[in-house]
């Protein structure tokens, strides 16, 4: 069965799936942020380690932007449900 063969006649299941994907994305971002933050502890005495530290900070920033996007999508879904 290909994606073209799937019948999407029930909108509520699609919305539930979208919300589930959003929640899953938020949880993934949280785990990635925690993992990167755990790597930032300690003192850096080496230039190479400082470059790695900067990459972790950039990763945290990227995951925070992604999480913010997921939260915005979830808020829009909730507003759409309220209006409907």
C-alpha atoms as a PDB file:
ATOM      1  CA  UNK A   1       0.000   0.000   0.000  1.00  0.00           C
ATOM      2  CA  UNK A   2       1.413   3.386  -0.957  1.00  0.00           C
ATOM      3  CA  UNK A   3       0.609   6.700   0.640  1.00  0.00           C
ATOM      4  CA  UNK A   4      -1.688   7.452  -2.285  1.00  0.00           C
ATOM      5  CA  UNK A   5      -3.845   4.430  -1.450  1.00  0.00           C
ATOM      6  CA  UNK A   6      -4.617   5.566   2.079  1.00  0.00           C
ATOM      7  CA  UNK A   7      -8.141   6.904   2.602  1.00  0.00           C
ATOM      8  CA  UNK A   8      -8.159   9.855   4.965  1.00  0.00           C
ATOM      9  CA  UNK A   9     -11.862  10.271   5.567  1.00  0.00           C
ATOM     10  CA  UNK A  10     -11.731  10.909   9.307  1.00  0.00           C
ATOM     11  CA  UNK A  11     -10.167  14.301  10.104  1.00  0.00           C
ATOM     12  CA  UNK A  12      -9.973  13.647  13.848  1.00  0.00           C
ATOM     13  CA  UNK A  13      -7.471  10.808  13.446  1.00  0.00           C
ATOM     14  CA  UNK A  14      -5.291  13.061  11.317  1.00  0.00           C
ATOM     15  CA  UNK A  15      -5.398  15.802  13.944  1.00  0.00           C
ATOM     16  CA  UNK A  16      -4.593  13.325  16.701  1.00  0.00           C
ATOM     17  CA  UNK A  17      -1.640  12.073  14.673  1.00  0.00           C
ATOM     18  CA  UNK A  18      -0.412  15.623  14.085  1.00  0.00           C
ATOM     19  CA  UNK A  19      -0.676  16.459  17.782  1.00  0.00           C
ATOM     20  CA  UNK A  20       1.080  13.198  18.637  1.00  0.00           C
ATOM     21  CA  UNK A  21       3.880  14.093  16.205  1.00  0.00           C
ATOM     22  CA  UNK A  22       4.173  17.539  17.754  1.00  0.00           C
ATOM     23  CA  UNK A  23       4.358  16.132  21.286  1.00  0.00           C
ATOM     24  CA  UNK A  24       6.922  13.563  20.160  1.00  0.00           C
ATOM     25  CA  UNK A  25       8.977  16.306  18.534  1.00  0.00           C
ATOM     26  CA  UNK A  26       8.886  18.404  21.689  1.00  0.00           C
ATOM     27  CA  UNK A  27       9.989  15.438  23.808  1.00  0.00           C
ATOM     28  CA  UNK A  28      12.839  14.691  21.396  1.00  0.00           C
ATOM     29  CA  UNK A  29      13.988  18.311  21.508  1.00  0.00           C
ATOM     30  CA  UNK A  30      13.917  18.236  25.317  1.00  0.00           C
ATOM     31  CA  UNK A  31      16.085  15.098  25.390  1.00  0.00           C
ATOM     32  CA  UNK A  32      18.563  16.556  22.899  1.00  0.00           C
ATOM     33  CA  UNK A  33      18.798  19.819  24.845  1.00  0.00           C
ATOM     34  CA  UNK A  34      19.400  17.955  28.109  1.00  0.00           C
ATOM     35  CA  UNK A  35      22.093  15.813  26.494  1.00  0.00           C
ATOM     36  CA  UNK A  36      23.884  18.829  25.021  1.00  0.00           C
ATOM     37  CA  UNK A  37      23.624  20.764  28.293  1.00  0.00           C
ATOM     38  CA  UNK A  38      25.178  17.865  30.196  1.00  0.00           C
ATOM     39  CA  UNK A  39      28.222  18.144  27.934  1.00  0.00           C
ATOM     40  CA  UNK A  40      28.726  21.811  28.795  1.00  0.00           C
ATOM     41  CA  UNK A  41      29.699  21.229  32.418  1.00  0.00           C
ATOM     42  CA  UNK A  42      33.308  21.552  33.419  1.00  0.00           C
ATOM     43  CA  UNK A  43      36.209  23.760  32.621  1.00  0.00           C
ATOM     44  CA  UNK A  44      37.622  24.058  29.111  1.00  0.00           C
ATOM     45  CA  UNK A  45      41.405  24.337  28.881  1.00  0.00           C
ATOM     46  CA  UNK A  46      41.912  23.303  25.280  1.00  0.00           C
ATOM     47  CA  UNK A  47      41.027  25.252  22.115  1.00  0.00           C
ATOM     48  CA  UNK A  48      39.676  22.135  20.398  1.00  0.00           C
ATOM     49  CA  UNK A  49      37.426  21.399  23.349  1.00  0.00           C
ATOM     50  CA  UNK A  50      36.201  24.993  23.240  1.00  0.00           C
ATOM     51  CA  UNK A  51      35.216  24.549  19.573  1.00  0.00           C
ATOM     52  CA  UNK A  52      33.289  21.413  20.535  1.00  0.00           C
ATOM     53  CA  UNK A  53      31.619  23.311  23.377  1.00  0.00           C
ATOM     54  CA  UNK A  54      30.527  26.006  20.921  1.00  0.00           C
ATOM     55  CA  UNK A  55      29.011  23.305  18.683  1.00  0.00           C
ATOM     56  CA  UNK A  56      26.978  22.002  21.636  1.00  0.00           C
ATOM     57  CA  UNK A  57      25.740  25.525  22.312  1.00  0.00           C
ATOM     58  CA  UNK A  58      24.723  25.847  18.655  1.00  0.00           C
ATOM     59  CA  UNK A  59      22.930  22.482  18.879  1.00  0.00           C
ATOM     60  CA  UNK A  60      21.002  23.660  21.938  1.00  0.00           C
ATOM     61  CA  UNK A  61      20.008  26.829  20.102  1.00  0.00           C
ATOM     62  CA  UNK A  62      18.802  24.847  17.093  1.00  0.00           C
ATOM     63  CA  UNK A  63      16.769  22.468  19.255  1.00  0.00           C
ATOM     64  CA  UNK A  64      15.227  25.363  21.153  1.00  0.00           C
ATOM     65  CA  UNK A  65      14.115  26.952  17.877  1.00  0.00           C
ATOM     66  CA  UNK A  66      12.662  23.628  16.746  1.00  0.00           C
ATOM     67  CA  UNK A  67      10.882  23.161  20.081  1.00  0.00           C
ATOM     68  CA  UNK A  68       9.446  26.678  19.832  1.00  0.00           C
ATOM     69  CA  UNK A  69       8.143  25.815  16.365  1.00  0.00           C
ATOM     70  CA  UNK A  70       6.508  22.621  17.679  1.00  0.00           C
ATOM     71  CA  UNK A  71       4.925  24.537  20.556  1.00  0.00           C
ATOM     72  CA  UNK A  72       3.583  27.128  18.146  1.00  0.00           C
ATOM     73  CA  UNK A  73       2.119  24.359  15.947  1.00  0.00           C
ATOM     74  CA  UNK A  74       0.506  22.716  18.974  1.00  0.00           C
ATOM     75  CA  UNK A  75      -0.986  26.042  20.071  1.00  0.00           C
ATOM     76  CA  UNK A  76      -2.401  26.596  16.581  1.00  0.00           C
ATOM     77  CA  UNK A  77      -3.923  23.088  16.593  1.00  0.00           C
ATOM     78  CA  UNK A  78      -5.533  23.761  19.964  1.00  0.00           C
ATOM     79  CA  UNK A  79      -6.911  27.085  18.753  1.00  0.00           C
ATOM     80  CA  UNK A  80      -8.336  25.383  15.643  1.00  0.00           C
ATOM     81  CA  UNK A  81     -10.058  22.803  17.855  1.00  0.00           C
ATOM     82  CA  UNK A  82     -11.494  25.557  20.044  1.00  0.00           C
ATOM     83  CA  UNK A  83     -12.868  27.403  17.026  1.00  0.00           C
ATOM     84  CA  UNK A  84     -14.319  24.209  15.536  1.00  0.00           C
END
